[in-house]
């Protein structure tokens, strides 16, 4: 199989936005990441594991070239010191442990500095997806199904049946293939829609290739590692530590806060006037999107902030129909935007893989995500997870607004 990841730019933008802040503030942090396949009926064969290993080895031989570094340097909030670091940076295959010792037939763990291991997540997941679908199915048949569905979706956007306002493609980690994601971004970027505007993609390589905006700010790892990786921190205040570090790095730039790492209700305790003013918006990634959006609007109003001056970014398992309903609901209440992944980048007759690679330890300590719905976390230590829940509950029940 030909090389899947051919450029270190081929990752989601938030890996660079977090990476710069990690480089400047948390370069000594160390993390462990673990792969998980949530599909109960999926099994990776020995041949698949061998090919995935080979692809990751080839990925680890890549380096940034000067054209790629110039592109990163052109992004307003990326600093020259971080670009200079990336000029020297290279993935380390020694940080990976890959085997078939898992129920699904594939086990992947990475361990090392947060600077390194954070960067491995998205390319690894993209490699796993592409290897699986190419080896388990007829590649040409799946691609033709994908292209046919993409064409129909685009027509409905052109006709105004779907109304998304501003939307971006977020599908690299679960894409059918590099070819499929490339076609999707190319087609969306070259088409004008009636009531929708394609802003760009989280895939920095494709954003550069097609001249669209690279999109992304922070992920759950940011809140988890900063809030829970320092053993002196009360983890119920993870959001405060994470928001504070982000503002130190970016000020008012690059500001979309993720709300559901340790529940949105706990997030709102820390998202008070200063942070709510500095951040341009917030991102939804679990729970009922309408209820969440109304909660955020009420919160902004209580702080004396006009919700129409802020953007609610929705990114949880969306398709165009769901996004249209959310867009229409909030049309006169606030600004909305959508990050849509699997539905754009891996829509065929076959069920897409539900795979993740999550940070499970930071600085030798377990970390956990307590989302707004069950089943999105991946903590390996139930006792720590319960401790975190207890900390959150104590704060919510005892600290006044």
Protein backbone atom coordinates (compact mmCIF):
# COMPACT_ATOMS: atom_id res chain seq x y z
CA UNK A 1 0.00 0.00 0.00
CA UNK A 2 1.36 3.44 -0.89
CA UNK A 3 2.29 5.87 1.87
CA UNK A 4 -0.85 7.36 3.45
CA UNK A 5 0.55 10.34 5.39
CA UNK A 6 2.97 12.19 3.13
CA UNK A 7 3.27 15.53 4.94
CA UNK A 8 3.53 16.55 8.59
CA UNK A 9 1.01 19.28 7.75
CA UNK A 10 -1.53 16.48 7.33
CA UNK A 11 -3.10 16.74 10.77
CA UNK A 12 -5.83 18.81 12.41
CA UNK A 13 -5.06 22.47 13.05
CA UNK A 14 -5.71 22.26 16.76
CA UNK A 15 -2.63 20.06 17.08
CA UNK A 16 -0.57 23.09 16.12
CA UNK A 17 -2.52 25.56 18.24
CA UNK A 18 -2.19 23.31 21.28
CA UNK A 19 1.35 22.33 20.27
CA UNK A 20 2.58 25.91 20.32
CA UNK A 21 1.16 26.49 23.81
CA UNK A 22 2.59 23.15 24.99
CA UNK A 23 6.00 24.13 23.61
CA UNK A 24 5.99 27.49 25.38
CA UNK A 25 4.41 26.47 28.70
CA UNK A 26 4.36 22.67 29.22
CA UNK A 27 7.36 21.26 27.34
CA UNK A 28 8.29 19.04 30.30
CA UNK A 29 4.88 17.30 30.47
CA UNK A 30 4.78 13.61 29.56
CA UNK A 31 1.71 11.73 28.39
CA UNK A 32 0.48 8.26 27.48
CA UNK A 33 -2.12 7.77 24.75
CA UNK A 34 -4.24 4.68 24.05
CA UNK A 35 -6.13 3.55 20.96
CA UNK A 36 -9.65 2.14 21.19
CA UNK A 37 -12.06 0.76 18.61
CA UNK A 38 -15.65 1.11 19.81
CA UNK A 39 -17.15 -1.02 17.01
CA UNK A 40 -18.00 -4.38 18.56
CA UNK A 41 -17.97 -6.31 15.26
CA UNK A 42 -14.68 -4.99 13.84
CA UNK A 43 -11.50 -7.08 13.90
CA UNK A 44 -8.09 -6.07 12.61
CA UNK A 45 -6.21 -8.93 10.99
CA UNK A 46 -2.52 -9.62 11.46
CA UNK A 47 -1.93 -8.28 7.94
CA UNK A 48 -3.70 -5.04 8.84
CA UNK A 49 -1.63 -4.61 11.99
CA UNK A 50 1.54 -5.19 9.97
CA UNK A 51 0.55 -2.59 7.38
CA UNK A 52 -0.51 -0.06 10.03
CA UNK A 53 2.89 -0.51 11.69
CA UNK A 54 4.68 0.01 8.35
CA UNK A 55 2.64 3.15 7.62
CA UNK A 56 3.42 4.62 11.03
CA UNK A 57 7.12 3.88 10.50
CA UNK A 58 7.00 5.82 7.21
CA UNK A 59 5.12 8.68 8.89
CA UNK A 60 7.91 8.87 11.48
CA UNK A 61 10.47 9.50 8.74
CA UNK A 62 8.80 12.74 7.61
CA UNK A 63 10.13 16.25 8.27
CA UNK A 64 8.63 19.67 7.62
CA UNK A 65 9.91 21.40 4.49
CA UNK A 66 10.41 25.16 4.24
CA UNK A 67 7.29 25.69 2.13
CA UNK A 68 5.17 24.04 4.83
CA UNK A 69 6.87 26.05 7.57
CA UNK A 70 6.28 29.27 5.63
CA UNK A 71 2.61 28.40 5.44
CA UNK A 72 2.40 27.82 9.19
CA UNK A 73 4.28 31.06 9.80
CA UNK A 74 1.63 32.90 7.75
CA UNK A 75 -1.09 31.95 10.25
CA UNK A 76 -1.65 35.01 12.43
CA UNK A 77 -1.31 33.40 15.83
CA UNK A 78 1.61 31.04 15.12
CA UNK A 79 4.90 32.41 16.45
CA UNK A 80 8.35 32.19 14.93
CA UNK A 81 9.79 30.38 17.94
CA UNK A 82 7.34 27.50 17.43
CA UNK A 83 8.06 27.38 13.68
CA UNK A 84 11.76 27.11 14.50
CA UNK A 85 10.99 24.20 16.84
CA UNK A 86 8.97 22.45 14.11
CA UNK A 87 11.92 22.88 11.73
CA UNK A 88 13.84 20.52 14.02
CA UNK A 89 10.94 18.25 15.01
CA UNK A 90 10.42 14.69 13.82
CA UNK A 91 8.04 11.95 15.04
CA UNK A 92 9.72 9.13 16.99
CA UNK A 93 8.71 5.59 16.13
CA UNK A 94 10.24 4.55 19.46
CA UNK A 95 7.32 6.33 21.16
CA UNK A 96 4.87 3.78 19.66
CA UNK A 97 3.94 0.35 20.99
CA UNK A 98 1.85 -1.54 18.40
CA UNK A 99 0.57 -5.10 18.72
CA UNK A 100 -2.44 -7.37 18.16
CA UNK A 101 -2.99 -7.77 21.91
CA UNK A 102 -6.52 -6.32 22.06
CA UNK A 103 -10.07 -7.56 21.66
CA UNK A 104 -10.34 -5.86 18.26
CA UNK A 105 -6.97 -7.21 17.15
CA UNK A 106 -5.13 -3.87 17.29
CA UNK A 107 -3.43 -2.25 20.25
CA UNK A 108 -1.60 1.06 19.94
CA UNK A 109 -0.09 3.09 22.75
CA UNK A 110 2.23 6.04 22.58
CA UNK A 111 4.29 7.42 25.44
CA UNK A 112 6.70 10.34 25.64
CA UNK A 113 6.62 14.10 25.87
CA UNK A 114 3.26 15.75 25.37
CA UNK A 115 4.93 17.75 22.58
CA UNK A 116 5.47 14.52 20.65
CA UNK A 117 2.59 12.26 21.59
CA UNK A 118 -0.11 14.86 20.98
CA UNK A 119 1.01 15.11 17.37
CA UNK A 120 0.61 11.37 16.74
CA UNK A 121 -3.14 11.08 17.36
CA UNK A 122 -4.65 12.30 14.08
CA UNK A 123 -2.19 10.71 11.60
CA UNK A 124 -2.42 7.40 13.48
CA UNK A 125 -6.21 7.32 13.31
CA UNK A 126 -6.16 8.29 9.62
CA UNK A 127 -3.72 5.46 8.91
CA UNK A 128 -5.82 2.91 10.81
CA UNK A 129 -8.98 3.93 8.95
CA UNK A 130 -7.47 3.81 5.50
CA UNK A 131 -5.66 0.51 6.03
CA UNK A 132 -8.80 -1.11 7.43
CA UNK A 133 -11.14 -0.06 4.64
CA UNK A 134 -8.66 -0.82 1.86
CA UNK A 135 -7.91 -4.29 3.21
CA UNK A 136 -11.43 -5.24 4.36
CA UNK A 137 -13.39 -4.03 1.33
CA UNK A 138 -13.11 -3.31 -2.38
CA UNK A 139 -11.50 0.13 -2.43
CA UNK A 140 -12.98 1.18 -5.80
CA UNK A 141 -16.52 0.16 -4.85
CA UNK A 142 -16.38 2.11 -1.57
CA UNK A 143 -14.91 5.19 -3.23
CA UNK A 144 -17.64 5.23 -5.89
CA UNK A 145 -20.29 4.96 -3.15
CA UNK A 146 -18.59 7.83 -1.33
CA UNK A 147 -18.43 10.02 -4.42
CA UNK A 148 -22.07 9.38 -5.31
CA UNK A 149 -23.25 10.35 -1.83
CA UNK A 150 -21.01 13.42 -1.78
CA UNK A 151 -22.44 14.64 -5.09
CA UNK A 152 -26.00 14.32 -3.75
CA UNK A 153 -25.15 16.22 -0.57
CA UNK A 154 -23.52 19.03 -2.51
CA UNK A 155 -26.57 19.32 -4.77
CA UNK A 156 -28.82 19.69 -1.73
CA UNK A 157 -26.54 22.42 -0.40
CA UNK A 158 -26.63 24.18 -3.78
CA UNK A 159 -30.43 23.94 -3.91
CA UNK A 160 -30.80 25.29 -0.36
CA UNK A 161 -32.44 22.15 1.02
CA UNK A 162 -29.66 22.17 3.62
CA UNK A 163 -28.98 25.48 5.38
CA UNK A 164 -25.79 25.44 7.42
CA UNK A 165 -24.55 29.00 7.47
CA UNK A 166 -20.82 28.62 8.10
CA UNK A 167 -19.44 25.08 8.15
CA UNK A 168 -16.09 23.28 7.97
CA UNK A 169 -14.87 19.78 7.24
CA UNK A 170 -13.50 17.98 10.34
CA UNK A 171 -13.09 14.43 9.06
CA UNK A 172 -9.42 13.47 8.90
CA UNK A 173 -9.33 11.13 11.89
CA UNK A 174 -12.17 8.96 10.54
CA UNK A 175 -11.90 9.52 6.80
CA UNK A 176 -12.37 6.75 4.29
CA UNK A 177 -9.04 7.63 2.71
CA UNK A 178 -6.78 10.56 1.88
CA UNK A 179 -8.23 10.50 -1.64
CA UNK A 180 -11.79 10.72 -0.32
CA UNK A 181 -11.11 13.63 2.01
CA UNK A 182 -9.21 15.44 -0.73
CA UNK A 183 -12.17 15.09 -3.09
CA UNK A 184 -14.60 16.32 -0.43
CA UNK A 185 -12.59 19.44 0.41
CA UNK A 186 -11.91 20.18 -3.27
CA UNK A 187 -15.58 19.81 -4.23
CA UNK A 188 -16.88 21.87 -1.30
CA UNK A 189 -14.31 24.63 -1.84
CA UNK A 190 -15.15 24.98 -5.54
CA UNK A 191 -18.94 25.17 -5.17
CA UNK A 192 -21.21 28.08 -4.22
CA UNK A 193 -24.19 27.26 -2.02
CA UNK A 194 -27.51 29.01 -1.47
CA UNK A 195 -27.63 29.28 2.33
CA UNK A 196 -24.31 27.75 3.34
CA UNK A 197 -20.68 28.87 3.30
CA UNK A 198 -17.83 26.36 3.30
CA UNK A 199 -15.20 27.98 5.52
CA UNK A 200 -12.43 25.42 5.40
CA UNK A 201 -11.06 22.21 6.86
CA UNK A 202 -9.27 21.06 10.00
CA UNK A 203 -6.75 19.26 7.75
CA UNK A 204 -3.93 21.81 7.44
CA UNK A 205 -2.40 20.12 4.39
CA UNK A 206 -5.67 20.33 2.46
CA UNK A 207 -6.34 23.88 3.66
CA UNK A 208 -3.00 24.90 2.17
CA UNK A 209 -3.60 22.89 -1.02
CA UNK A 210 -7.01 24.39 -1.76
CA UNK A 211 -6.55 27.86 -0.32
CA UNK A 212 -9.25 27.55 2.34
CA UNK A 213 -9.09 28.38 6.02
CA UNK A 214 -7.48 25.88 8.42
CA UNK A 215 -9.93 25.51 11.32
CA UNK A 216 -9.46 24.40 14.94
CA UNK A 217 -8.44 25.56 18.40
CA UNK A 218 -8.36 23.17 21.39
CA UNK A 219 -9.26 19.57 22.20
CA UNK A 220 -10.16 17.75 25.41
CA UNK A 221 -6.51 16.80 25.95
CA UNK A 222 -5.73 20.46 26.63
CA UNK A 223 -8.09 20.68 29.59
CA UNK A 224 -7.31 17.16 30.84
CA UNK A 225 -3.53 17.49 30.87
CA UNK A 226 -3.31 21.01 32.24
CA UNK A 227 -6.05 20.54 34.82
CA UNK A 228 -5.16 17.01 35.91
CA UNK A 229 -1.51 16.52 34.95
CA UNK A 230 -0.31 18.92 37.65
CA UNK A 231 -0.74 16.92 40.86
CA UNK A 232 -1.19 20.09 42.91
CA UNK A 233 -4.32 21.11 41.01
CA UNK A 234 -7.87 20.41 42.10
CA UNK A 235 -9.17 18.71 38.92
CA UNK A 236 -12.61 20.30 39.35
CA UNK A 237 -10.88 23.56 38.29
CA UNK A 238 -9.35 22.03 35.15
CA UNK A 239 -11.16 24.49 32.89
CA UNK A 240 -9.83 27.53 34.76
CA UNK A 241 -6.21 26.37 34.46
CA UNK A 242 -6.71 25.52 30.78
CA UNK A 243 -8.43 28.80 29.89
CA UNK A 244 -5.81 30.79 31.77
CA UNK A 245 -2.94 29.10 29.91
CA UNK A 246 -4.70 29.62 26.57
CA UNK A 247 -5.16 33.34 27.17
CA UNK A 248 -1.49 33.64 28.18
CA UNK A 249 -0.54 32.17 24.81
CA UNK A 250 -3.08 33.81 22.51
CA UNK A 251 -4.83 36.72 24.20
CA UNK A 252 -7.98 37.32 22.16
CA UNK A 253 -6.72 35.31 19.16
CA UNK A 254 -7.64 31.75 18.24
CA UNK A 255 -10.32 31.56 20.90
CA UNK A 256 -13.01 28.87 20.81
CA UNK A 257 -13.35 27.18 24.20
CA UNK A 258 -14.35 23.51 24.53
CA UNK A 259 -17.00 23.13 27.22
CA UNK A 260 -17.55 19.46 28.02
CA UNK A 261 -14.27 18.00 29.31
CA UNK A 262 -15.55 17.84 32.90
CA UNK A 263 -19.19 18.72 32.10
CA UNK A 264 -20.48 21.98 30.71
CA UNK A 265 -22.09 22.98 34.02
CA UNK A 266 -18.69 22.88 35.71
CA UNK A 267 -17.12 24.72 32.77
CA UNK A 268 -19.57 27.60 33.20
CA UNK A 269 -18.37 28.14 36.78
CA UNK A 270 -15.02 29.22 35.32
CA UNK A 271 -16.27 30.78 32.08
CA UNK A 272 -17.11 34.09 33.71
CA UNK A 273 -16.95 37.64 32.35
CA UNK A 274 -13.23 37.85 31.53
CA UNK A 275 -12.97 34.56 29.64
CA UNK A 276 -16.44 34.83 28.11
CA UNK A 277 -15.38 38.22 26.71
CA UNK A 278 -11.93 37.16 25.50
CA UNK A 279 -13.03 33.95 23.77
CA UNK A 280 -14.90 34.43 20.49
CA UNK A 281 -17.11 31.43 21.14
CA UNK A 282 -17.53 27.92 22.51
CA UNK A 283 -17.62 24.41 21.02
CA UNK A 284 -20.25 21.72 21.60
CA UNK A 285 -19.11 18.09 21.51
CA UNK A 286 -21.60 16.08 23.58
CA UNK A 287 -25.18 16.14 24.84
CA UNK A 288 -28.27 17.73 23.35
CA UNK A 289 -27.08 20.55 21.05
CA UNK A 290 -30.23 22.66 21.36
CA UNK A 291 -30.28 22.47 25.17
CA UNK A 292 -26.56 23.22 25.26
CA UNK A 293 -26.94 26.21 22.94
CA UNK A 294 -29.79 27.67 24.97
CA UNK A 295 -27.71 27.23 28.13
CA UNK A 296 -24.80 29.11 26.56
CA UNK A 297 -27.07 31.94 25.38
CA UNK A 298 -28.54 32.28 28.89
CA UNK A 299 -25.03 32.33 30.34
CA UNK A 300 -23.88 35.09 28.00
CA UNK A 301 -26.99 37.13 28.81
CA UNK A 302 -26.41 36.78 32.56
CA UNK A 303 -22.91 38.16 32.03
CA UNK A 304 -24.27 41.12 30.03
CA UNK A 305 -22.78 39.83 26.75
CA UNK A 306 -24.84 39.95 23.58
CA UNK A 307 -25.07 36.31 22.32
CA UNK A 308 -25.14 37.61 18.75
CA UNK A 309 -21.52 38.71 19.25
CA UNK A 310 -20.42 35.13 19.95
CA UNK A 311 -20.25 31.92 17.90
CA UNK A 312 -21.53 28.53 18.98
CA UNK A 313 -19.53 25.84 17.15
CA UNK A 314 -21.23 22.45 16.91
CA UNK A 315 -19.11 19.38 16.18
CA UNK A 316 -20.77 16.29 17.69
CA UNK A 317 -21.64 13.54 15.16
CA UNK A 318 -23.34 15.94 12.76
CA UNK A 319 -24.85 15.47 9.34
CA UNK A 320 -26.30 18.20 7.15
CA UNK A 321 -29.87 17.53 8.29
CA UNK A 322 -29.00 17.87 11.98
CA UNK A 323 -26.89 20.96 11.31
CA UNK A 324 -29.74 22.57 9.37
CA UNK A 325 -32.12 22.05 12.30
CA UNK A 326 -29.60 23.58 14.73
CA UNK A 327 -28.89 26.48 12.36
CA UNK A 328 -32.58 27.27 11.94
CA UNK A 329 -33.26 27.08 15.69
CA UNK A 330 -30.55 29.61 16.59
CA UNK A 331 -30.88 31.80 13.48
CA UNK A 332 -31.89 35.02 15.27
CA UNK A 333 -30.38 34.17 18.67
CA UNK A 334 -26.62 33.80 18.11
CA UNK A 335 -24.02 33.03 15.48
CA UNK A 336 -23.49 29.35 14.69
CA UNK A 337 -20.86 27.32 12.87
CA UNK A 338 -20.47 23.60 12.25
CA UNK A 339 -17.55 21.20 12.15
CA UNK A 340 -18.70 18.08 10.30
CA UNK A 341 -16.45 15.04 10.08
CA UNK A 342 -17.41 11.45 9.30
CA UNK A 343 -20.56 12.40 7.39
CA UNK A 344 -18.43 14.32 4.89
CA UNK A 345 -15.24 12.24 4.88
CA UNK A 346 -16.47 8.64 5.28
CA UNK A 347 -20.05 8.12 4.09
CA UNK A 348 -20.52 4.81 2.25
CA UNK A 349 -22.77 1.75 2.49
CA UNK A 350 -20.44 0.38 5.19
CA UNK A 351 -20.48 1.48 8.82
CA UNK A 352 -17.59 3.85 9.58
CA UNK A 353 -15.09 2.96 12.26
CA UNK A 354 -15.70 4.52 15.65
CA UNK A 355 -12.07 4.73 16.71
CA UNK A 356 -10.35 7.10 19.11
CA UNK A 357 -6.91 7.71 20.52
CA UNK A 358 -7.10 9.43 23.88
CA UNK A 359 -4.64 10.66 26.46
CA UNK A 360 -4.90 8.31 29.46
CA UNK A 361 -2.01 9.46 31.67
CA UNK A 362 -0.18 12.74 32.20
CA UNK A 363 2.98 13.05 34.28
CA UNK A 364 2.46 9.57 35.65
CA UNK A 365 -1.11 10.28 36.80
CA UNK A 366 -4.39 9.03 35.39
CA UNK A 367 -6.56 11.58 33.59
CA UNK A 368 -10.22 11.39 32.62
CA UNK A 369 -12.93 13.13 30.68
CA UNK A 370 -16.37 13.43 32.27
CA UNK A 371 -18.46 14.36 29.26
CA UNK A 372 -22.07 15.59 29.12
CA UNK A 373 -23.11 12.07 28.05
CA UNK A 374 -21.88 8.62 29.02
CA UNK A 375 -19.54 6.60 26.84
CA UNK A 376 -17.18 9.26 25.46
CA UNK A 377 -14.48 8.90 28.08
CA UNK A 378 -11.58 6.46 28.20
CA UNK A 379 -10.08 6.48 31.69
CA UNK A 380 -8.22 3.28 32.58
CA UNK A 381 -8.58 3.76 36.34
CA UNK A 382 -12.19 3.68 37.64
CA UNK A 383 -11.03 4.88 41.06
CA UNK A 384 -9.50 8.03 39.59
CA UNK A 385 -12.58 8.62 37.45
CA UNK A 386 -14.76 8.42 40.57
CA UNK A 387 -12.39 10.76 42.41
CA UNK A 388 -12.74 13.30 39.60
CA UNK A 389 -16.53 12.97 39.68
CA UNK A 390 -16.49 13.49 43.45
CA UNK A 391 -14.36 16.63 43.08
CA UNK A 392 -16.73 18.02 40.46
CA UNK A 393 -19.81 17.20 42.53
CA UNK A 394 -18.35 18.76 45.67
CA UNK A 395 -17.56 21.95 43.81
CA UNK A 396 -20.96 22.12 42.12
CA UNK A 397 -22.79 21.50 45.41
CA UNK A 398 -20.72 23.74 47.65
CA UNK A 399 -19.32 26.62 45.63
CA UNK A 400 -21.75 29.42 44.97
CA UNK A 401 -21.87 31.10 41.57
